[in-house]
Amino acid sequence: MEQWKESLQTAMDERFDAAFVELAKSNADVREAVKQQLDASVLVKDHPKYDEELKQLVDSYFEAMQLLLGEYLQHLYIQGAKDCVTVLREFGIIK
């Protein structure tokens, strides 16, 4: 059973990555936000007051945010699939 879960997680991760690449290609606002994030990252890392304590704090914050965002995306993806099945059942397309 664990192998199945790992395979599903890998497939979902690949879909999320592909979807984000497509989103970035088709949406100038997303491309700009990615650029802003990268620029800000460089500025923070090169800031003279960016000591080891602050680095650990910032890294911890962003790791937590990435984990939360990943879990949220996974939840939305699965909920979307469930909603799709519900709608298809309501229309009598599937039983």
C-alpha atoms as a PDB file:
ATOM      1  CA  MET A   1       0.000   0.000   0.000  1.00  0.00           C
ATOM      2  CA  GLU A   2       2.838   2.419   0.775  1.00  0.00           C
ATOM      3  CA  GLN A   3       4.285   1.918  -2.720  1.00  0.00           C
ATOM      4  CA  TRP A   4       0.932   2.954  -4.185  1.00  0.00           C
ATOM      5  CA  LYS A   5       0.865   6.114  -2.042  1.00  0.00           C
ATOM      6  CA  GLU A   6       4.417   6.990  -3.036  1.00  0.00           C
ATOM      7  CA  SER A   7       3.594   6.482  -6.711  1.00  0.00           C
ATOM      8  CA  LEU A   8       0.498   8.651  -6.386  1.00  0.00           C
ATOM      9  CA  GLN A   9       2.493  11.362  -4.603  1.00  0.00           C
ATOM     10  CA  THR A  10       5.157  11.288  -7.315  1.00  0.00           C
ATOM     11  CA  ALA A  11       2.521  11.540 -10.037  1.00  0.00           C
ATOM     12  CA  MET A  12       0.821  14.440  -8.265  1.00  0.00           C
ATOM     13  CA  ASP A  13       4.127  16.247  -7.746  1.00  0.00           C
ATOM     14  CA  GLU A  14       4.894  15.886 -11.449  1.00  0.00           C
ATOM     15  CA  ARG A  15       1.432  17.234 -12.365  1.00  0.00           C
ATOM     16  CA  PHE A  16       1.841  20.199 -10.006  1.00  0.00           C
ATOM     17  CA  ASP A  17       5.242  21.012 -11.483  1.00  0.00           C
ATOM     18  CA  ALA A  18       3.964  20.735 -15.048  1.00  0.00           C
ATOM     19  CA  ALA A  19       0.918  22.849 -14.227  1.00  0.00           C
ATOM     20  CA  PHE A  20       3.086  25.557 -12.676  1.00  0.00           C
ATOM     21  CA  VAL A  21       5.385  25.627 -15.699  1.00  0.00           C
ATOM     22  CA  GLU A  22       2.355  25.996 -17.959  1.00  0.00           C
ATOM     23  CA  LEU A  23       0.902  28.690 -15.697  1.00  0.00           C
ATOM     24  CA  ALA A  24       4.155  30.637 -15.764  1.00  0.00           C
ATOM     25  CA  LYS A  25       4.331  30.363 -19.562  1.00  0.00           C
ATOM     26  CA  SER A  26       0.802  31.650 -20.033  1.00  0.00           C
ATOM     27  CA  ASN A  27       0.546  34.261 -17.268  1.00  0.00           C
ATOM     28  CA  ALA A  28       2.733  37.363 -17.238  1.00  0.00           C
ATOM     29  CA  ASP A  29       1.722  38.181 -13.647  1.00  0.00           C
ATOM     30  CA  VAL A  30       3.023  34.808 -12.471  1.00  0.00           C
ATOM     31  CA  ARG A  31       6.278  35.299 -14.370  1.00  0.00           C
ATOM     32  CA  GLU A  32       6.667  38.725 -12.747  1.00  0.00           C
ATOM     33  CA  ALA A  33       5.946  37.292  -9.280  1.00  0.00           C
ATOM     34  CA  VAL A  34       8.575  34.580  -9.811  1.00  0.00           C
ATOM     35  CA  LYS A  35      11.086  37.233 -10.873  1.00  0.00           C
ATOM     36  CA  GLN A  36      10.237  39.373  -7.826  1.00  0.00           C
ATOM     37  CA  GLN A  37      10.682  36.371  -5.552  1.00  0.00           C
ATOM     38  CA  LEU A  38      14.083  35.550  -7.030  1.00  0.00           C
ATOM     39  CA  ASP A  39      15.221  39.181  -6.857  1.00  0.00           C
ATOM     40  CA  ALA A  40      14.094  39.498  -3.236  1.00  0.00           C
ATOM     41  CA  SER A  41      15.854  36.256  -2.355  1.00  0.00           C
ATOM     42  CA  VAL A  42      19.142  37.598  -3.710  1.00  0.00           C
ATOM     43  CA  LEU A  43      18.702  40.917  -1.877  1.00  0.00           C
ATOM     44  CA  VAL A  44      17.973  39.187   1.425  1.00  0.00           C
ATOM     45  CA  LYS A  45      20.893  36.782   1.134  1.00  0.00           C
ATOM     46  CA  ASP A  46      23.289  39.604   0.226  1.00  0.00           C
ATOM     47  CA  HIS A  47      22.029  41.933   2.976  1.00  0.00           C
ATOM     48  CA  PRO A  48      24.776  42.838   5.479  1.00  0.00           C
ATOM     49  CA  LYS A  49      22.532  42.131   8.482  1.00  0.00           C
ATOM     50  CA  TYR A  50      21.649  38.642   7.235  1.00  0.00           C
ATOM     51  CA  ASP A  51      23.486  36.723   9.943  1.00  0.00           C
ATOM     52  CA  GLU A  52      23.260  33.024  10.784  1.00  0.00           C
ATOM     53  CA  GLU A  53      20.437  33.478  13.301  1.00  0.00           C
ATOM     54  CA  LEU A  54      18.301  35.410  10.813  1.00  0.00           C
ATOM     55  CA  LYS A  55      19.169  32.909   8.083  1.00  0.00           C
ATOM     56  CA  GLN A  56      17.883  30.027  10.218  1.00  0.00           C
ATOM     57  CA  LEU A  57      14.713  31.946  11.055  1.00  0.00           C
ATOM     58  CA  VAL A  58      14.010  32.843   7.416  1.00  0.00           C
ATOM     59  CA  ASP A  59      14.827  29.326   6.208  1.00  0.00           C
ATOM     60  CA  SER A  60      12.524  27.828   8.836  1.00  0.00           C
ATOM     61  CA  TYR A  61       9.720  30.184   7.833  1.00  0.00           C
ATOM     62  CA  PHE A  62      10.006  29.415   4.131  1.00  0.00           C
ATOM     63  CA  GLU A  63      10.283  25.660   4.705  1.00  0.00           C
ATOM     64  CA  ALA A  64       7.061  25.784   6.730  1.00  0.00           C
ATOM     65  CA  MET A  65       5.344  27.907   4.076  1.00  0.00           C
ATOM     66  CA  GLN A  66       6.413  25.530   1.306  1.00  0.00           C
ATOM     67  CA  LEU A  67       5.165  22.538   3.284  1.00  0.00           C
ATOM     68  CA  LEU A  68       1.821  24.234   3.928  1.00  0.00           C
ATOM     69  CA  LEU A  69       1.461  25.294   0.312  1.00  0.00           C
ATOM     70  CA  GLY A  70       2.299  21.783  -0.877  1.00  0.00           C
ATOM     71  CA  GLU A  71      -0.266  20.244   1.442  1.00  0.00           C
ATOM     72  CA  TYR A  72      -2.851  22.821   0.382  1.00  0.00           C
ATOM     73  CA  LEU A  73      -2.241  22.157  -3.314  1.00  0.00           C
ATOM     74  CA  GLN A  74      -2.489  18.413  -2.769  1.00  0.00           C
ATOM     75  CA  HIS A  75      -5.747  18.855  -0.857  1.00  0.00           C
ATOM     76  CA  LEU A  76      -7.201  21.070  -3.599  1.00  0.00           C
ATOM     77  CA  TYR A  77      -6.136  18.621  -6.300  1.00  0.00           C
ATOM     78  CA  ILE A  78      -7.744  15.658  -4.553  1.00  0.00           C
ATOM     79  CA  GLN A  79     -10.861  17.671  -3.687  1.00  0.00           C
ATOM     80  CA  GLY A  80     -11.126  18.743  -7.325  1.00  0.00           C
ATOM     81  CA  ALA A  81     -10.986  15.117  -8.439  1.00  0.00           C
ATOM     82  CA  LYS A  82     -13.688  14.198  -5.913  1.00  0.00           C
ATOM     83  CA  ASP A  83     -15.854  17.112  -7.053  1.00  0.00           C
ATOM     84  CA  CYS A  84     -15.411  16.043 -10.671  1.00  0.00           C
ATOM     85  CA  VAL A  85     -16.602  12.519  -9.867  1.00  0.00           C
ATOM     86  CA  THR A  86     -19.588  13.927  -7.956  1.00  0.00           C
ATOM     87  CA  VAL A  87     -20.615  16.123 -10.892  1.00  0.00           C
ATOM     88  CA  LEU A  88     -20.183  13.270 -13.381  1.00  0.00           C
ATOM     89  CA  ARG A  89     -22.390  11.080 -11.175  1.00  0.00           C
ATOM     90  CA  GLU A  90     -25.026  13.802 -10.878  1.00  0.00           C
ATOM     91  CA  PHE A  91     -25.141  14.095 -14.677  1.00  0.00           C
ATOM     92  CA  GLY A  92     -25.407  10.317 -14.994  1.00  0.00           C
ATOM     93  CA  ILE A  93     -22.178  10.056 -16.951  1.00  0.00           C
ATOM     94  CA  ILE A  94     -20.714   7.619 -14.416  1.00  0.00           C
ATOM     95  CA  LYS A  95     -22.372   5.480 -11.760  1.00  0.00           C
END
